[in-house]
Structure formats: structure tokens, C-alpha cells
Amino acid sequence: MKEIIIVAPEQYQDLARKITHEISKQPGYNGAYWTIKHYADNEFQLGGNRYVVLMGNPDENRFTKDYLQIISNLQNQAGVCYGFDGVKAVIFGEGKLEQEKDFKEVLKKCAGLGAAGTVGLSVGAALAVGFVPLITSILWPAAIVYYLVNRSAKVKKLRQDQTKAALTLFMAECFDDWAGIRKTEQGV
């Protein structure tokens, strides 16, 4: 039995639990969600048939930063990043607002994958970009604060949506090869 461990920060725990549930439905596979602390405390015990998916960008998951440098097949589609090497995989969103327009195309790709019945999660609607009109110079400081807070929320939401899309694409495009499902099915 192969164990697929999803190591995710708190903001992705619901997504991590959903995907471990889907993985556990596959014959011969068991999915588990671990917090970053749990992974740090038990990393030395990993090996054999334990595969690890590190969710979250390097700022959200310190282990992503550690393993990112060894992932030679890292994909980046409009800030939707995923790749693997050996028994480790990374999945994260960059959260750069200039990627929003191109990210909408990635969302369409993800929606098509879900409709085709591949493993993956549905991704939320495309993000709308807004800006704060500055009415008068008196409102300028308040408008700047509002813009910065609003921008920060948009970056966070974009990064989370990109991470969901990265998980969807990783599951659809890479997971079977990474975890050996195709090899097992082909009897290799």
C-alpha cells in the first residue's frame, strides 16, 4: 500500500483533506493530511511507499522552499506551479496579480479536466480585477489604505485559487506517473 501524505498549511487543510479522501478511494493507496508541524516532527520516518505532496508556496510552507530547488520538472502556468522528483512533489500558487488574465485560461483548462472525469477539484470562478477610484485629495490616504488592504486580499485569494488549480492539474497530469498507478496497471 502506498501512502500519499499531503503536507499543507492551515489555510489549505480543507483542500488537503478532500484530496486525501479522493486518493484513499484508489485501490492500493492511502491518503493522509499532515500539518507542517506534524511533518517536521515525523520527516525522519518517511521512506519506502510514502509519497509527500507539499502544498503552499515557500512563504506558506517552509518545506516547499527546501525541496523546490530539486524539482527539475516544475511547471508554471500563470502562477499555477507544480512538479515532482522522487517521492516529493510541490504544489502552490504564486499570487501575482499580473497573472490574473492568463490564470483565467488555466481555470478553463481545469474546468475541462473536471468535466472529463479526471481526478481533481473544481476551481472557483475567475477573479475580477478592480481598482479604487480616488475621488478627492482628502480621501487619498484612506483610499491608499483601502487599496493596499484590498490588493492584499486579492493576492491571497489569487494564490489560493492558483494552488487549487495546481493541485487539479498535478492530479490530472502528473499524479499517476509520480505515484506509479500507470506502471501498476500495465503490470510493469
Protein backbone atom coordinates (compact mmCIF):
# COMPACT_ATOMS: atom_id res chain seq x y z
CA MET A 1 0.00 0.00 0.00
CA LYS A 2 1.37 3.44 -0.98
CA GLU A 3 0.70 6.33 1.35
CA ILE A 4 0.32 9.80 -0.13
CA ILE A 5 0.86 12.45 2.54
CA ILE A 6 -0.37 15.96 1.83
CA VAL A 7 1.59 18.47 3.92
CA ALA A 8 -0.28 21.75 3.96
CA PRO A 9 -0.54 24.92 5.99
CA GLU A 10 -3.77 25.62 7.83
CA GLN A 11 -5.33 27.70 5.05
CA TYR A 12 -5.31 24.63 2.77
CA GLN A 13 -6.36 21.98 5.31
CA ASP A 14 -9.88 21.57 3.86
CA LEU A 15 -8.48 21.13 0.37
CA ALA A 16 -5.83 18.71 1.66
CA ARG A 17 -8.46 16.62 3.43
CA LYS A 18 -10.63 16.45 0.31
CA ILE A 19 -7.77 15.29 -1.88
CA THR A 20 -6.59 12.69 0.65
CA HIS A 21 -10.13 11.33 0.65
CA GLU A 22 -10.06 11.05 -3.16
CA ILE A 23 -6.63 9.39 -3.09
CA SER A 24 -7.81 6.87 -0.50
CA LYS A 25 -10.55 5.76 -2.91
CA GLN A 26 -7.87 4.38 -5.25
CA PRO A 27 -7.06 0.70 -4.69
CA GLY A 28 -3.64 0.30 -3.09
CA TYR A 29 -3.38 3.94 -1.97
CA ASN A 30 -3.94 5.69 1.32
CA GLY A 31 -4.11 9.47 1.64
CA ALA A 32 -3.21 11.41 4.78
CA TYR A 33 -3.17 15.10 5.66
CA TRP A 34 -0.31 16.31 7.83
CA THR A 35 0.25 19.77 9.22
CA ILE A 36 3.65 21.35 8.68
CA LYS A 37 4.50 20.72 12.35
CA HIS A 38 3.46 17.06 12.08
CA TYR A 39 5.68 16.68 9.01
CA ALA A 40 8.60 18.38 10.78
CA ASP A 41 8.22 16.04 13.74
CA ASN A 42 8.00 12.88 11.60
CA GLU A 43 10.00 13.59 8.45
CA PHE A 44 12.78 11.21 9.51
CA GLN A 45 10.29 8.30 9.47
CA LEU A 46 9.44 8.71 5.80
CA GLY A 47 10.59 6.30 3.16
CA GLY A 48 9.52 3.29 1.17
CA ASN A 49 5.99 3.64 -0.06
CA ARG A 50 5.35 7.08 1.41
CA TYR A 51 4.97 9.92 -1.06
CA VAL A 52 4.77 13.55 0.05
CA VAL A 53 2.94 16.45 -1.59
CA LEU A 54 4.00 19.81 -0.18
CA MET A 55 1.20 22.36 -0.64
CA GLY A 56 1.75 26.08 -0.37
CA ASN A 57 4.36 28.43 -1.72
CA PRO A 58 7.72 28.85 0.05
CA ASP A 59 6.28 31.58 2.29
CA GLU A 60 3.34 29.37 3.33
CA ASN A 61 5.18 26.06 3.69
CA ARG A 62 8.85 26.11 4.66
CA PHE A 63 9.38 22.61 3.26
CA THR A 64 8.33 23.75 -0.22
CA LYS A 65 11.31 26.09 -0.14
CA ASP A 66 13.64 23.23 0.85
CA TYR A 67 12.53 20.88 -1.93
CA LEU A 68 11.77 23.41 -4.66
CA GLN A 69 15.41 23.53 -5.71
CA ILE A 70 15.47 19.78 -6.51
CA ILE A 71 12.27 19.75 -8.60
CA SER A 72 13.59 19.84 -12.16
CA ASN A 73 10.22 19.42 -13.91
CA LEU A 74 8.45 22.34 -12.19
CA GLN A 75 5.52 23.60 -14.26
CA ASN A 76 4.41 27.23 -14.02
CA GLN A 77 1.22 28.11 -15.86
CA ALA A 78 0.20 31.68 -14.97
CA GLY A 79 1.38 31.21 -11.38
CA VAL A 80 -0.04 27.68 -11.08
CA CYS A 81 3.07 25.75 -10.02
CA TYR A 82 3.55 22.01 -9.59
CA GLY A 83 6.18 19.35 -10.09
CA PHE A 84 7.82 16.34 -8.52
CA ASP A 85 11.08 14.49 -8.03
CA GLY A 86 11.30 11.05 -6.49
CA VAL A 87 8.76 10.77 -3.68
CA LYS A 88 8.37 14.54 -3.18
CA ALA A 89 6.02 16.88 -5.04
CA VAL A 90 5.32 20.59 -4.67
CA ILE A 91 2.06 22.38 -5.43
CA PHE A 92 1.47 26.10 -4.98
CA GLY A 93 0.23 29.37 -6.41
CA GLU A 94 2.42 32.42 -6.82
CA GLY A 95 -0.31 35.02 -6.24
CA LYS A 96 0.99 37.70 -8.61
CA LEU A 97 -1.86 39.95 -9.72
CA GLU A 98 -0.32 40.45 -13.17
CA GLN A 99 -1.02 36.71 -13.77
CA GLU A 100 -4.81 37.07 -13.33
CA LYS A 101 -5.67 37.38 -17.01
CA ASP A 102 -3.63 34.33 -18.03
CA PHE A 103 -4.87 32.46 -14.97
CA LYS A 104 -8.42 32.62 -16.35
CA GLU A 105 -7.25 30.37 -19.22
CA VAL A 106 -5.79 27.91 -16.73
CA LEU A 107 -9.15 27.86 -14.93
CA LYS A 108 -10.84 26.91 -18.21
CA LYS A 109 -8.36 24.08 -18.61
CA CYS A 110 -9.08 22.88 -15.06
CA ALA A 111 -12.83 23.03 -15.63
CA GLY A 112 -12.41 20.91 -18.74
CA LEU A 113 -10.40 18.34 -16.81
CA GLY A 114 -13.12 18.05 -14.17
CA ALA A 115 -15.77 17.61 -16.82
CA ALA A 116 -13.70 14.85 -18.40
CA GLY A 117 -13.83 12.87 -15.15
CA THR A 118 -10.16 13.08 -14.23
CA VAL A 119 -9.12 13.34 -10.59
CA GLY A 120 -9.14 16.90 -9.39
CA LEU A 121 -11.08 19.55 -7.62
CA SER A 122 -13.28 22.19 -9.14
CA VAL A 123 -11.77 25.63 -9.10
CA GLY A 124 -13.68 28.82 -8.23
CA ALA A 125 -14.76 31.40 -10.76
CA ALA A 126 -12.17 33.63 -12.37
CA LEU A 127 -11.17 36.67 -10.36
CA ALA A 128 -12.35 40.12 -11.29
CA VAL A 129 -9.75 42.85 -11.09
CA GLY A 130 -10.93 46.12 -9.60
CA PHE A 131 -9.32 49.34 -8.61
CA VAL A 132 -10.21 52.05 -6.13
CA PRO A 133 -11.11 55.40 -7.72
CA LEU A 134 -9.60 58.32 -5.87
CA ILE A 135 -12.27 60.97 -5.53
CA THR A 136 -10.52 63.83 -3.76
CA SER A 137 -7.18 64.53 -2.20
CA ILE A 138 -8.84 64.37 1.25
CA LEU A 139 -9.68 60.72 0.67
CA TRP A 140 -6.25 59.92 -0.72
CA PRO A 141 -4.72 58.37 2.48
CA ALA A 142 -7.87 56.33 3.21
CA ALA A 143 -8.06 55.25 -0.42
CA ILE A 144 -4.43 54.10 -0.36
CA VAL A 145 -5.02 52.05 2.79
CA TYR A 146 -8.19 50.57 1.28
CA TYR A 147 -6.36 49.79 -1.96
CA LEU A 148 -3.47 48.11 -0.18
CA VAL A 149 -5.76 46.03 2.06
CA ASN A 150 -7.97 45.13 -0.90
CA ARG A 151 -4.91 44.30 -3.01
CA SER A 152 -3.55 42.06 -0.27
CA ALA A 153 -6.87 40.18 -0.08
CA LYS A 154 -6.85 39.75 -3.87
CA VAL A 155 -3.29 38.43 -3.83
CA LYS A 156 -4.21 35.93 -1.11
CA LYS A 157 -7.34 34.77 -2.98
CA LEU A 158 -5.45 34.50 -6.27
CA ARG A 159 -2.68 32.47 -4.59
CA GLN A 160 -5.25 30.12 -3.04
CA ASP A 161 -7.12 29.70 -6.34
CA GLN A 162 -3.84 29.08 -8.14
CA THR A 163 -2.94 26.46 -5.53
CA LYS A 164 -6.29 24.71 -6.09
CA ALA A 165 -5.67 24.79 -9.84
CA ALA A 166 -2.12 23.48 -9.32
CA LEU A 167 -3.50 20.57 -7.33
CA THR A 168 -6.09 19.86 -10.02
CA LEU A 169 -3.51 19.89 -12.82
CA PHE A 170 -0.97 17.88 -10.81
CA MET A 171 -3.57 15.21 -10.10
CA ALA A 172 -4.70 15.09 -13.74
CA GLU A 173 -1.32 15.36 -15.46
CA CYS A 174 1.33 14.02 -13.08
CA PHE A 175 -0.08 12.02 -10.20
CA ASP A 176 -0.47 8.67 -11.96
CA ASP A 177 3.12 8.68 -13.23
CA TRP A 178 4.52 10.06 -9.98
CA ALA A 179 2.75 7.52 -7.75
CA GLY A 180 3.15 4.64 -10.19
CA ILE A 181 -0.53 3.99 -10.94
CA ARG A 182 0.00 3.55 -14.67
CA LYS A 183 3.01 1.31 -14.14
CA THR A 184 1.00 -0.89 -11.79
CA GLU A 185 -1.95 -1.06 -14.18
CA GLN A 186 0.36 -2.01 -17.05
CA GLY A 187 1.97 -4.71 -14.94
CA VAL A 188 5.43 -3.17 -15.12
